[in-house]
Amino acid sequence: MVMRLQLAGDTTDIDLASLQGLWSVEQYLKLSNQTSRLLEFTDGVIEVLPMPTKRHQAISLFMLLALLAYIRPRGGAVFYAPLRLAIRPGVFREPDLMLLLDQHDPRAQDAFWLGADLVVEIVSPDNPKRDTEEKPRDYAAAGIPEYWIVNPLDASITVLVLNGAQYTLHGKFERGTIATSHLLAGFGVAVAEVFAAG
């Protein structure tokens, strides 16, 4: 894949495919600082994520506002992509939303976060397995206590809770139900309202 970047007033084409497996963390961080595209990084390989759709952004905004209303009065913080999350050395993800219970948590670094207490991904139709199979492994390995998978493809919200080194199912919530959190006592969203936003 060739990615076009605007660098110092000049348009530059970068052939990502020819360099896959060779990118350094420093190169990834520099490249991702110079583009509006969402880029994820795994052991020398850069993956360009699809541009979010209006529906995706409407769902993300709904979830952001719901989480903000809950967590801000309790001293926490929630942020949205693009903001990188270090999973382990050599792996970075860009969750749609990520939350910390304490807004002063030292993991909330400026360039990228070193962890989170909860992450939310909205399933992308181009590669659903990325959000439903790959990212649960990554987020569990990073020790993130709770992972929400918001899936517009089947109008469901799956909430996974870290149990040791793996996630277990807290619940799969569908229209007509309230998706609840294990970590955030009393927090819930009506599934139908989440998808109506999109």
N, C-alpha and C. Protein backbone atom coordinates (compact mmCIF):
# COMPACT_ATOMS: atom_id res chain seq x y z
N MET A 1 0.83 -1.18 0.00
CA MET A 1 0.00 0.00 0.00
C MET A 1 0.87 1.24 0.00
N VAL A 2 0.51 2.21 -0.82
CA VAL A 2 1.21 3.49 -0.85
C VAL A 2 0.37 4.49 -0.07
N MET A 3 1.00 5.17 0.88
CA MET A 3 0.31 6.17 1.67
C MET A 3 0.87 7.53 1.31
N ARG A 4 -0.01 8.48 1.05
CA ARG A 4 0.39 9.84 0.68
C ARG A 4 0.35 10.72 1.92
N LEU A 5 1.48 11.37 2.20
CA LEU A 5 1.57 12.26 3.35
C LEU A 5 1.94 13.67 2.90
N GLN A 6 1.44 14.64 3.64
CA GLN A 6 1.84 16.03 3.44
C GLN A 6 2.92 16.33 4.45
N LEU A 7 4.15 16.44 4.01
CA LEU A 7 5.28 16.67 4.90
C LEU A 7 5.93 18.01 4.55
N ALA A 8 5.96 18.92 5.49
CA ALA A 8 6.63 20.21 5.31
C ALA A 8 6.23 20.87 4.00
N GLY A 9 4.93 20.82 3.68
CA GLY A 9 4.44 21.49 2.49
C GLY A 9 4.55 20.69 1.21
N ASP A 10 5.26 19.58 1.24
CA ASP A 10 5.40 18.73 0.06
C ASP A 10 4.62 17.44 0.25
N THR A 11 4.06 16.94 -0.83
CA THR A 11 3.37 15.65 -0.78
C THR A 11 4.40 14.55 -1.00
N THR A 12 4.39 13.57 -0.11
CA THR A 12 5.34 12.48 -0.17
C THR A 12 4.57 11.16 -0.20
N ASP A 13 4.95 10.27 -1.10
CA ASP A 13 4.36 8.94 -1.15
C ASP A 13 5.29 7.98 -0.43
N ILE A 14 4.70 7.18 0.46
CA ILE A 14 5.48 6.18 1.20
C ILE A 14 4.91 4.81 0.87
N ASP A 15 5.75 3.93 0.38
CA ASP A 15 5.33 2.57 0.04
C ASP A 15 5.45 1.71 1.29
N LEU A 16 4.32 1.54 1.99
CA LEU A 16 4.34 0.77 3.23
C LEU A 16 4.66 -0.69 3.00
N ALA A 17 4.13 -1.25 1.92
CA ALA A 17 4.27 -2.69 1.68
C ALA A 17 5.72 -3.12 1.55
N SER A 18 6.52 -2.33 0.87
CA SER A 18 7.92 -2.75 0.64
C SER A 18 8.74 -2.72 1.92
N LEU A 19 8.27 -2.01 2.93
CA LEU A 19 9.01 -1.90 4.19
C LEU A 19 8.39 -2.69 5.34
N GLN A 20 7.32 -3.43 5.06
CA GLN A 20 6.65 -4.17 6.14
C GLN A 20 7.62 -5.15 6.79
N GLY A 21 7.58 -5.15 8.11
CA GLY A 21 8.48 -5.99 8.90
C GLY A 21 9.78 -5.30 9.25
N LEU A 22 10.04 -4.15 8.62
CA LEU A 22 11.30 -3.44 8.84
C LEU A 22 11.15 -2.14 9.62
N TRP A 23 9.90 -1.70 9.82
CA TRP A 23 9.67 -0.43 10.51
C TRP A 23 10.12 -0.52 11.97
N SER A 24 10.74 0.55 12.47
CA SER A 24 11.09 0.62 13.89
C SER A 24 9.97 1.34 14.63
N VAL A 25 9.97 1.21 15.94
CA VAL A 25 8.98 1.93 16.76
C VAL A 25 9.12 3.43 16.53
N GLU A 26 10.36 3.93 16.48
CA GLU A 26 10.59 5.35 16.28
C GLU A 26 10.04 5.82 14.95
N GLN A 27 10.22 5.02 13.88
CA GLN A 27 9.69 5.38 12.56
C GLN A 27 8.16 5.37 12.57
N TYR A 28 7.58 4.37 13.22
CA TYR A 28 6.12 4.32 13.33
C TYR A 28 5.58 5.55 14.04
N LEU A 29 6.19 5.90 15.18
CA LEU A 29 5.71 7.06 15.94
C LEU A 29 5.83 8.34 15.12
N LYS A 30 6.93 8.50 14.41
CA LYS A 30 7.12 9.69 13.58
C LYS A 30 6.09 9.72 12.45
N LEU A 31 5.90 8.60 11.79
CA LEU A 31 4.95 8.52 10.69
C LEU A 31 3.53 8.80 11.17
N SER A 32 3.14 8.19 12.29
CA SER A 32 1.78 8.38 12.79
C SER A 32 1.54 9.79 13.30
N ASN A 33 2.60 10.51 13.64
CA ASN A 33 2.47 11.92 14.03
C ASN A 33 2.25 12.83 12.82
N GLN A 34 2.51 12.33 11.61
CA GLN A 34 2.46 13.17 10.42
C GLN A 34 1.29 12.84 9.49
N THR A 35 0.32 12.09 9.99
CA THR A 35 -0.83 11.74 9.16
C THR A 35 -2.10 11.76 10.01
N SER A 36 -3.21 11.98 9.35
CA SER A 36 -4.49 11.90 10.05
C SER A 36 -5.06 10.48 10.00
N ARG A 37 -4.40 9.58 9.29
CA ARG A 37 -4.85 8.20 9.22
C ARG A 37 -4.53 7.48 10.52
N LEU A 38 -5.37 6.50 10.88
CA LEU A 38 -5.11 5.68 12.06
C LEU A 38 -4.16 4.57 11.65
N LEU A 39 -3.05 4.47 12.37
CA LEU A 39 -2.05 3.45 12.08
C LEU A 39 -1.82 2.61 13.32
N GLU A 40 -1.80 1.30 13.14
CA GLU A 40 -1.44 0.40 14.24
C GLU A 40 -0.14 -0.30 13.87
N PHE A 41 0.58 -0.76 14.87
CA PHE A 41 1.94 -1.24 14.67
C PHE A 41 2.15 -2.54 15.43
N THR A 42 2.66 -3.54 14.72
CA THR A 42 2.97 -4.83 15.36
C THR A 42 4.30 -5.35 14.83
N ASP A 43 5.31 -5.30 15.67
CA ASP A 43 6.61 -5.90 15.38
C ASP A 43 7.11 -5.59 13.98
N GLY A 44 7.19 -4.30 13.66
CA GLY A 44 7.76 -3.87 12.39
C GLY A 44 6.76 -3.74 11.25
N VAL A 45 5.50 -4.06 11.50
CA VAL A 45 4.47 -4.00 10.46
C VAL A 45 3.48 -2.89 10.81
N ILE A 46 3.23 -2.01 9.85
CA ILE A 46 2.25 -0.93 10.02
C ILE A 46 0.97 -1.31 9.30
N GLU A 47 -0.15 -1.18 10.02
CA GLU A 47 -1.46 -1.44 9.44
C GLU A 47 -2.22 -0.12 9.39
N VAL A 48 -2.70 0.23 8.20
CA VAL A 48 -3.49 1.45 8.03
C VAL A 48 -4.96 1.06 8.21
N LEU A 49 -5.60 1.64 9.22
CA LEU A 49 -7.00 1.32 9.50
C LEU A 49 -7.91 2.12 8.57
N PRO A 50 -9.10 1.60 8.29
CA PRO A 50 -10.01 2.34 7.41
C PRO A 50 -10.47 3.63 8.07
N MET A 51 -10.76 4.62 7.23
CA MET A 51 -11.29 5.87 7.76
C MET A 51 -12.65 5.60 8.38
N PRO A 52 -12.91 6.14 9.56
CA PRO A 52 -14.22 5.92 10.20
C PRO A 52 -15.35 6.52 9.36
N THR A 53 -16.47 5.83 9.35
CA THR A 53 -17.67 6.31 8.67
C THR A 53 -18.45 7.23 9.60
N LYS A 54 -19.45 7.89 9.05
CA LYS A 54 -20.34 8.73 9.88
C LYS A 54 -21.00 7.88 10.96
N ARG A 55 -21.47 6.69 10.59
CA ARG A 55 -22.13 5.80 11.56
C ARG A 55 -21.17 5.43 12.69
N HIS A 56 -19.96 5.06 12.31
CA HIS A 56 -18.93 4.72 13.29
C HIS A 56 -18.71 5.88 14.26
N GLN A 57 -18.58 7.08 13.71
CA GLN A 57 -18.31 8.24 14.55
C GLN A 57 -19.50 8.59 15.43
N ALA A 58 -20.73 8.40 14.94
CA ALA A 58 -21.91 8.68 15.76
C ALA A 58 -21.99 7.72 16.95
N ILE A 59 -21.67 6.45 16.72
CA ILE A 59 -21.65 5.46 17.80
C ILE A 59 -20.54 5.79 18.79
N SER A 60 -19.38 6.14 18.27
CA SER A 60 -18.24 6.51 19.11
C SER A 60 -18.58 7.72 19.98
N LEU A 61 -19.23 8.73 19.39
CA LEU A 61 -19.61 9.92 20.14
C LEU A 61 -20.61 9.58 21.24
N PHE A 62 -21.59 8.75 20.92
CA PHE A 62 -22.57 8.34 21.93
C PHE A 62 -21.87 7.68 23.12
N MET A 63 -20.98 6.73 22.82
CA MET A 63 -20.26 6.02 23.89
C MET A 63 -19.35 6.98 24.67
N LEU A 64 -18.69 7.89 23.96
CA LEU A 64 -17.82 8.86 24.63
C LEU A 64 -18.61 9.70 25.63
N LEU A 65 -19.74 10.23 25.19
CA LEU A 65 -20.53 11.09 26.07
C LEU A 65 -21.07 10.31 27.27
N ALA A 66 -21.49 9.06 27.05
CA ALA A 66 -21.99 8.24 28.16
C ALA A 66 -20.87 7.96 29.16
N LEU A 67 -19.69 7.60 28.67
CA LEU A 67 -18.58 7.31 29.56
C LEU A 67 -18.09 8.57 30.27
N LEU A 68 -18.06 9.70 29.56
CA LEU A 68 -17.65 10.97 30.19
C LEU A 68 -18.59 11.34 31.33
N ALA A 69 -19.89 11.22 31.08
CA ALA A 69 -20.86 11.57 32.11
C ALA A 69 -20.68 10.72 33.36
N TYR A 70 -20.26 9.48 33.18
CA TYR A 70 -20.04 8.58 34.32
C TYR A 70 -18.70 8.87 35.01
N ILE A 71 -17.62 8.96 34.21
CA ILE A 71 -16.27 8.90 34.80
C ILE A 71 -15.74 10.25 35.27
N ARG A 72 -16.11 11.34 34.63
CA ARG A 72 -15.57 12.65 35.04
C ARG A 72 -15.90 12.99 36.48
N PRO A 73 -17.16 12.85 36.92
CA PRO A 73 -17.45 13.18 38.32
C PRO A 73 -16.71 12.28 39.32
N ARG A 74 -16.21 11.15 38.85
CA ARG A 74 -15.50 10.22 39.72
C ARG A 74 -13.98 10.37 39.60
N GLY A 75 -13.53 11.40 38.85
CA GLY A 75 -12.10 11.68 38.77
C GLY A 75 -11.36 10.93 37.70
N GLY A 76 -12.07 10.29 36.78
CA GLY A 76 -11.42 9.54 35.72
C GLY A 76 -11.35 10.32 34.42
N ALA A 77 -10.85 9.66 33.39
CA ALA A 77 -10.68 10.28 32.08
C ALA A 77 -11.00 9.27 30.99
N VAL A 78 -11.58 9.77 29.89
CA VAL A 78 -11.81 8.93 28.72
C VAL A 78 -11.42 9.74 27.49
N PHE A 79 -10.71 9.10 26.56
CA PHE A 79 -10.25 9.75 25.33
C PHE A 79 -10.60 8.87 24.14
N TYR A 80 -10.54 9.46 22.95
CA TYR A 80 -10.94 8.80 21.72
C TYR A 80 -9.79 8.84 20.71
N ALA A 81 -9.88 7.98 19.71
CA ALA A 81 -8.87 7.93 18.66
C ALA A 81 -8.89 9.23 17.86
N PRO A 82 -7.74 9.63 17.34
CA PRO A 82 -6.47 8.94 17.40
C PRO A 82 -5.68 9.24 18.68
N LEU A 83 -5.38 8.21 19.40
CA LEU A 83 -4.48 8.26 20.55
C LEU A 83 -3.93 6.86 20.72
N ARG A 84 -2.61 6.75 20.64
CA ARG A 84 -1.98 5.43 20.64
C ARG A 84 -1.96 4.81 22.03
N LEU A 85 -2.03 3.48 22.06
CA LEU A 85 -1.95 2.71 23.28
C LEU A 85 -0.85 1.67 23.10
N ALA A 86 0.18 1.72 23.94
CA ALA A 86 1.26 0.73 23.90
C ALA A 86 0.76 -0.55 24.55
N ILE A 87 0.81 -1.63 23.78
CA ILE A 87 0.37 -2.93 24.27
C ILE A 87 1.53 -3.66 24.95
N ARG A 88 2.63 -3.67 24.28
CA ARG A 88 3.90 -4.23 24.77
C ARG A 88 4.98 -3.63 23.89
N PRO A 89 6.26 -3.82 24.19
CA PRO A 89 7.29 -3.28 23.29
C PRO A 89 7.06 -3.79 21.86
N GLY A 90 6.96 -2.85 20.93
CA GLY A 90 6.79 -3.21 19.52
C GLY A 90 5.36 -3.35 19.06
N VAL A 91 4.38 -3.08 19.92
CA VAL A 91 2.96 -3.18 19.52
C VAL A 91 2.19 -1.96 20.03
N PHE A 92 1.52 -1.28 19.10
CA PHE A 92 0.67 -0.15 19.42
C PHE A 92 -0.68 -0.34 18.76
N ARG A 93 -1.75 -0.04 19.50
CA ARG A 93 -3.11 -0.05 18.97
C ARG A 93 -3.69 1.35 19.10
N GLU A 94 -4.79 1.59 18.38
CA GLU A 94 -5.52 2.87 18.45
C GLU A 94 -6.97 2.57 18.77
N PRO A 95 -7.29 2.30 20.04
CA PRO A 95 -8.68 2.01 20.39
C PRO A 95 -9.60 3.19 20.05
N ASP A 96 -10.86 2.87 19.75
CA ASP A 96 -11.81 3.94 19.50
C ASP A 96 -11.98 4.80 20.74
N LEU A 97 -12.03 4.16 21.92
CA LEU A 97 -12.13 4.88 23.19
C LEU A 97 -11.28 4.15 24.22
N MET A 98 -10.67 4.91 25.12
CA MET A 98 -9.98 4.28 26.24
C MET A 98 -10.14 5.13 27.48
N LEU A 99 -10.22 4.46 28.61
CA LEU A 99 -10.62 5.08 29.86
C LEU A 99 -9.64 4.71 30.97
N LEU A 100 -9.41 5.69 31.84
CA LEU A 100 -8.68 5.47 33.08
C LEU A 100 -9.55 5.90 34.24
N LEU A 101 -9.55 5.12 35.30
CA LEU A 101 -10.33 5.46 36.48
C LEU A 101 -9.82 6.71 37.17
N ASP A 102 -8.53 6.98 37.06
CA ASP A 102 -7.90 8.15 37.68
C ASP A 102 -7.29 9.01 36.59
N GLN A 103 -7.78 10.24 36.45
CA GLN A 103 -7.28 11.12 35.39
C GLN A 103 -5.80 11.45 35.56
N HIS A 104 -5.24 11.23 36.75
CA HIS A 104 -3.83 11.50 37.00
C HIS A 104 -2.97 10.24 36.91
N ASP A 105 -3.55 9.17 36.43
CA ASP A 105 -2.82 7.91 36.26
C ASP A 105 -1.58 8.15 35.40
N PRO A 106 -0.40 7.76 35.88
CA PRO A 106 0.84 8.02 35.13
C PRO A 106 0.92 7.27 33.79
N ARG A 107 0.04 6.32 33.56
CA ARG A 107 0.04 5.63 32.26
C ARG A 107 -0.46 6.54 31.14
N ALA A 108 -1.14 7.63 31.49
CA ALA A 108 -1.67 8.57 30.49
C ALA A 108 -0.57 9.53 30.05
N GLN A 109 0.31 9.03 29.22
CA GLN A 109 1.41 9.83 28.69
C GLN A 109 0.89 10.70 27.53
N ASP A 110 1.65 11.70 27.16
CA ASP A 110 1.22 12.62 26.12
C ASP A 110 1.26 11.97 24.73
N ALA A 111 2.36 11.33 24.38
CA ALA A 111 2.51 10.76 23.04
C ALA A 111 1.69 9.49 22.85
N PHE A 112 1.59 8.69 23.90
CA PHE A 112 0.79 7.46 23.86
C PHE A 112 0.57 7.00 25.30
N TRP A 113 -0.51 6.25 25.48
CA TRP A 113 -0.80 5.71 26.81
C TRP A 113 -0.05 4.40 27.01
N LEU A 114 0.32 4.15 28.25
CA LEU A 114 1.03 2.92 28.61
C LEU A 114 0.08 1.87 29.17
N GLY A 115 -1.19 2.13 29.15
CA GLY A 115 -2.20 1.20 29.64
C GLY A 115 -3.53 1.91 29.76
N ALA A 116 -4.57 1.15 30.07
CA ALA A 116 -5.91 1.70 30.26
C ALA A 116 -6.67 0.75 31.17
N ASP A 117 -7.76 1.23 31.74
CA ASP A 117 -8.61 0.38 32.57
C ASP A 117 -9.76 -0.21 31.76
N LEU A 118 -10.12 0.46 30.67
CA LEU A 118 -11.21 -0.02 29.82
C LEU A 118 -10.97 0.52 28.42
N VAL A 119 -11.17 -0.34 27.41
CA VAL A 119 -11.11 0.11 26.02
C VAL A 119 -12.39 -0.30 25.31
N VAL A 120 -12.75 0.50 24.30
CA VAL A 120 -13.93 0.24 23.47
C VAL A 120 -13.48 0.23 22.02
N GLU A 121 -13.89 -0.78 21.29
CA GLU A 121 -13.67 -0.83 19.84
C GLU A 121 -15.03 -0.97 19.17
N ILE A 122 -15.21 -0.23 18.08
CA ILE A 122 -16.38 -0.36 17.24
C ILE A 122 -15.96 -1.18 16.04
N VAL A 123 -16.61 -2.30 15.84
CA VAL A 123 -16.20 -3.27 14.83
C VAL A 123 -16.26 -2.64 13.44
N SER A 124 -15.17 -2.78 12.71
CA SER A 124 -15.09 -2.28 11.34
C SER A 124 -15.49 -3.38 10.37
N PRO A 125 -16.33 -3.06 9.39
CA PRO A 125 -16.79 -4.10 8.45
C PRO A 125 -15.69 -4.65 7.56
N ASP A 126 -14.58 -3.92 7.38
CA ASP A 126 -13.51 -4.39 6.50
C ASP A 126 -12.81 -5.62 7.05
N ASN A 127 -12.75 -5.74 8.40
CA ASN A 127 -12.04 -6.86 9.02
C ASN A 127 -12.56 -7.06 10.44
N PRO A 128 -13.75 -7.64 10.60
CA PRO A 128 -14.32 -7.81 11.94
C PRO A 128 -13.44 -8.60 12.90
N LYS A 129 -12.66 -9.55 12.37
CA LYS A 129 -11.81 -10.38 13.24
C LYS A 129 -10.76 -9.56 13.97
N ARG A 130 -10.38 -8.40 13.39
CA ARG A 130 -9.40 -7.54 14.04
C ARG A 130 -9.91 -7.14 15.43
N ASP A 131 -11.18 -6.75 15.51
CA ASP A 131 -11.74 -6.27 16.77
C ASP A 131 -12.28 -7.39 17.66
N THR A 132 -12.72 -8.50 17.04
CA THR A 132 -13.36 -9.56 17.82
C THR A 132 -12.42 -10.69 18.21
N GLU A 133 -11.30 -10.83 17.50
CA GLU A 133 -10.37 -11.94 17.81
C GLU A 133 -8.96 -11.47 18.11
N GLU A 134 -8.41 -10.58 17.27
CA GLU A 134 -7.03 -10.14 17.46
C GLU A 134 -6.88 -9.20 18.66
N LYS A 135 -7.72 -8.18 18.70
CA LYS A 135 -7.56 -7.18 19.75
C LYS A 135 -7.86 -7.72 21.15
N PRO A 136 -8.82 -8.64 21.32
CA PRO A 136 -8.96 -9.21 22.67
C PRO A 136 -7.67 -9.85 23.18
N ARG A 137 -6.94 -10.51 22.31
CA ARG A 137 -5.66 -11.10 22.73
C ARG A 137 -4.67 -10.01 23.14
N ASP A 138 -4.60 -8.96 22.32
CA ASP A 138 -3.67 -7.86 22.62
C ASP A 138 -4.03 -7.16 23.92
N TYR A 139 -5.30 -6.82 24.08
CA TYR A 139 -5.71 -6.06 25.27
C TYR A 139 -5.60 -6.92 26.53
N ALA A 140 -5.84 -8.21 26.42
CA ALA A 140 -5.64 -9.10 27.57
C ALA A 140 -4.16 -9.16 27.92
N ALA A 141 -3.31 -9.27 26.91
CA ALA A 141 -1.86 -9.32 27.15
C ALA A 141 -1.37 -8.03 27.80
N ALA A 142 -2.03 -6.91 27.50
CA ALA A 142 -1.66 -5.62 28.08
C ALA A 142 -2.23 -5.44 29.48
N GLY A 143 -3.05 -6.39 29.93
CA GLY A 143 -3.61 -6.31 31.29
C GLY A 143 -4.74 -5.31 31.44
N ILE A 144 -5.47 -5.05 30.37
CA ILE A 144 -6.58 -4.10 30.43
C ILE A 144 -7.79 -4.82 31.01
N PRO A 145 -8.32 -4.34 32.15
CA PRO A 145 -9.35 -5.08 32.88
C PRO A 145 -10.66 -5.31 32.14
N GLU A 146 -11.05 -4.39 31.24
CA GLU A 146 -12.34 -4.56 30.58
C GLU A 146 -12.27 -4.08 29.13
N TYR A 147 -12.90 -4.87 28.25
CA TYR A 147 -12.91 -4.57 26.81
C TYR A 147 -14.33 -4.66 26.29
N TRP A 148 -14.81 -3.56 25.68
CA TRP A 148 -16.14 -3.51 25.07
C TRP A 148 -16.01 -3.60 23.56
N ILE A 149 -16.74 -4.53 22.97
CA ILE A 149 -16.78 -4.68 21.51
C ILE A 149 -18.18 -4.24 21.06
N VAL A 150 -18.25 -3.09 20.43
CA VAL A 150 -19.51 -2.55 19.95
C VAL A 150 -19.61 -2.93 18.47
N ASN A 151 -20.58 -3.81 18.16
CA ASN A 151 -20.61 -4.41 16.83
C ASN A 151 -21.85 -3.99 16.04
N PRO A 152 -21.70 -2.99 15.14
CA PRO A 152 -22.84 -2.57 14.32
C PRO A 152 -23.30 -3.65 13.34
N LEU A 153 -22.48 -4.65 13.07
CA LEU A 153 -22.83 -5.68 12.10
C LEU A 153 -23.96 -6.57 12.59
N ASP A 154 -24.04 -6.78 13.92
CA ASP A 154 -25.15 -7.57 14.47
C ASP A 154 -25.86 -6.84 15.61
N ALA A 155 -25.59 -5.53 15.74
CA ALA A 155 -26.23 -4.68 16.76
C ALA A 155 -26.09 -5.27 18.16
N SER A 156 -24.85 -5.65 18.50
CA SER A 156 -24.59 -6.21 19.83
C SER A 156 -23.41 -5.49 20.47
N ILE A 157 -23.38 -5.56 21.80
CA ILE A 157 -22.24 -5.08 22.57
C ILE A 157 -21.77 -6.23 23.44
N THR A 158 -20.52 -6.61 23.26
CA THR A 158 -19.92 -7.68 24.05
C THR A 158 -18.97 -7.04 25.06
N VAL A 159 -19.13 -7.40 26.32
CA VAL A 159 -18.27 -6.87 27.38
C VAL A 159 -17.44 -8.03 27.92
N LEU A 160 -16.13 -7.88 27.80
CA LEU A 160 -15.18 -8.90 28.27
C LEU A 160 -14.44 -8.38 29.49
N VAL A 161 -14.22 -9.27 30.46
CA VAL A 161 -13.55 -8.91 31.71
C VAL A 161 -12.31 -9.79 31.86
N LEU A 162 -11.20 -9.16 32.22
CA LEU A 162 -9.94 -9.88 32.36
C LEU A 162 -10.00 -10.81 33.57
N ASN A 163 -9.67 -12.07 33.34
CA ASN A 163 -9.63 -13.08 34.37
C ASN A 163 -8.29 -13.79 34.23
N GLY A 164 -7.31 -13.39 35.03
CA GLY A 164 -5.96 -13.90 34.85
C GLY A 164 -5.35 -13.29 33.60
N ALA A 165 -4.96 -14.15 32.65
CA ALA A 165 -4.33 -13.67 31.41
C ALA A 165 -5.30 -13.64 30.24
N GLN A 166 -6.58 -13.98 30.47
CA GLN A 166 -7.54 -14.04 29.38
C GLN A 166 -8.83 -13.32 29.76
N TYR A 167 -9.59 -12.97 28.72
CA TYR A 167 -10.90 -12.39 28.97
C TYR A 167 -11.95 -13.48 29.12
N THR A 168 -12.91 -13.20 29.99
CA THR A 168 -14.11 -14.01 30.09
C THR A 168 -15.30 -13.11 29.77
N LEU A 169 -16.38 -13.71 29.38
CA LEU A 169 -17.55 -12.98 28.95
C LEU A 169 -18.34 -12.45 30.16
N HIS A 170 -18.45 -11.15 30.26
CA HIS A 170 -19.34 -10.54 31.25
C HIS A 170 -20.77 -10.55 30.71
N GLY A 171 -20.88 -10.32 29.39
CA GLY A 171 -22.20 -10.37 28.77
C GLY A 171 -22.16 -9.97 27.32
N LYS A 172 -23.06 -10.57 26.54
CA LYS A 172 -23.29 -10.13 25.17
C LYS A 172 -24.70 -9.56 25.17
N PHE A 173 -24.78 -8.26 24.88
CA PHE A 173 -26.02 -7.51 25.01
C PHE A 173 -26.56 -7.13 23.65
N GLU A 174 -27.87 -7.31 23.46
CA GLU A 174 -28.51 -7.02 22.18
C GLU A 174 -29.60 -5.98 22.38
N ARG A 175 -30.22 -5.56 21.29
CA ARG A 175 -31.30 -4.56 21.37
C ARG A 175 -32.33 -4.99 22.40
N GLY A 176 -32.84 -4.02 23.14
CA GLY A 176 -33.82 -4.31 24.18
C GLY A 176 -33.20 -4.58 25.53
N THR A 177 -31.86 -4.58 25.59
CA THR A 177 -31.17 -4.81 26.86
C THR A 177 -30.25 -3.63 27.17
N ILE A 178 -29.75 -3.62 28.39
CA ILE A 178 -28.78 -2.60 28.83
C ILE A 178 -27.43 -3.28 28.94
N ALA A 179 -26.43 -2.76 28.21
CA ALA A 179 -25.06 -3.27 28.33
C ALA A 179 -24.46 -2.68 29.59
N THR A 180 -23.96 -3.55 30.47
CA THR A 180 -23.42 -3.12 31.76
C THR A 180 -21.93 -3.40 31.85
N SER A 181 -21.31 -2.71 32.77
CA SER A 181 -19.88 -2.86 33.02
C SER A 181 -19.66 -3.63 34.31
N HIS A 182 -18.63 -4.44 34.33
CA HIS A 182 -18.19 -5.09 35.57
C HIS A 182 -17.33 -4.11 36.38
N LEU A 183 -16.50 -3.34 35.66
CA LEU A 183 -15.54 -2.42 36.29
C LEU A 183 -16.20 -1.16 36.82
N LEU A 184 -17.13 -0.59 36.04
CA LEU A 184 -17.75 0.69 36.36
C LEU A 184 -19.11 0.43 37.01
N ALA A 185 -19.15 0.39 38.32
CA ALA A 185 -20.37 0.05 39.04
C ALA A 185 -21.49 1.01 38.68
N GLY A 186 -22.61 0.46 38.24
CA GLY A 186 -23.77 1.26 37.92
C GLY A 186 -23.79 1.83 36.51
N PHE A 187 -22.73 1.62 35.73
CA PHE A 187 -22.71 2.15 34.37
C PHE A 187 -23.38 1.18 33.41
N GLY A 188 -24.19 1.74 32.53
CA GLY A 188 -24.82 0.93 31.51
C GLY A 188 -25.33 1.81 30.38
N VAL A 189 -25.48 1.22 29.20
CA VAL A 189 -26.05 1.92 28.05
C VAL A 189 -27.09 1.03 27.40
N ALA A 190 -28.17 1.64 26.94
CA ALA A 190 -29.19 0.91 26.21
C ALA A 190 -28.68 0.59 24.82
N VAL A 191 -28.61 -0.67 24.50
CA VAL A 191 -28.04 -1.10 23.22
C VAL A 191 -28.77 -0.44 22.05
N ALA A 192 -30.08 -0.41 22.10
CA ALA A 192 -30.86 0.19 21.01
C ALA A 192 -30.47 1.66 20.81
N GLU A 193 -30.23 2.38 21.89
CA GLU A 193 -29.85 3.81 21.77
C GLU A 193 -28.48 3.97 21.16
N VAL A 194 -27.56 3.07 21.51
CA VAL A 194 -26.20 3.13 20.93
C VAL A 194 -26.28 3.04 19.41
N PHE A 195 -27.04 2.05 18.92
CA PHE A 195 -27.07 1.85 17.47
C PHE A 195 -28.02 2.81 16.77
N ALA A 196 -28.98 3.36 17.48
CA ALA A 196 -29.83 4.41 16.90
C ALA A 196 -29.01 5.67 16.66
N ALA A 197 -27.97 5.88 17.46
CA ALA A 197 -27.10 7.05 17.28
C ALA A 197 -26.40 6.99 15.94
N GLY A 198 -26.13 5.78 15.47
CA GLY A 198 -25.41 5.61 14.21
C GLY A 198 -26.32 5.57 13.03
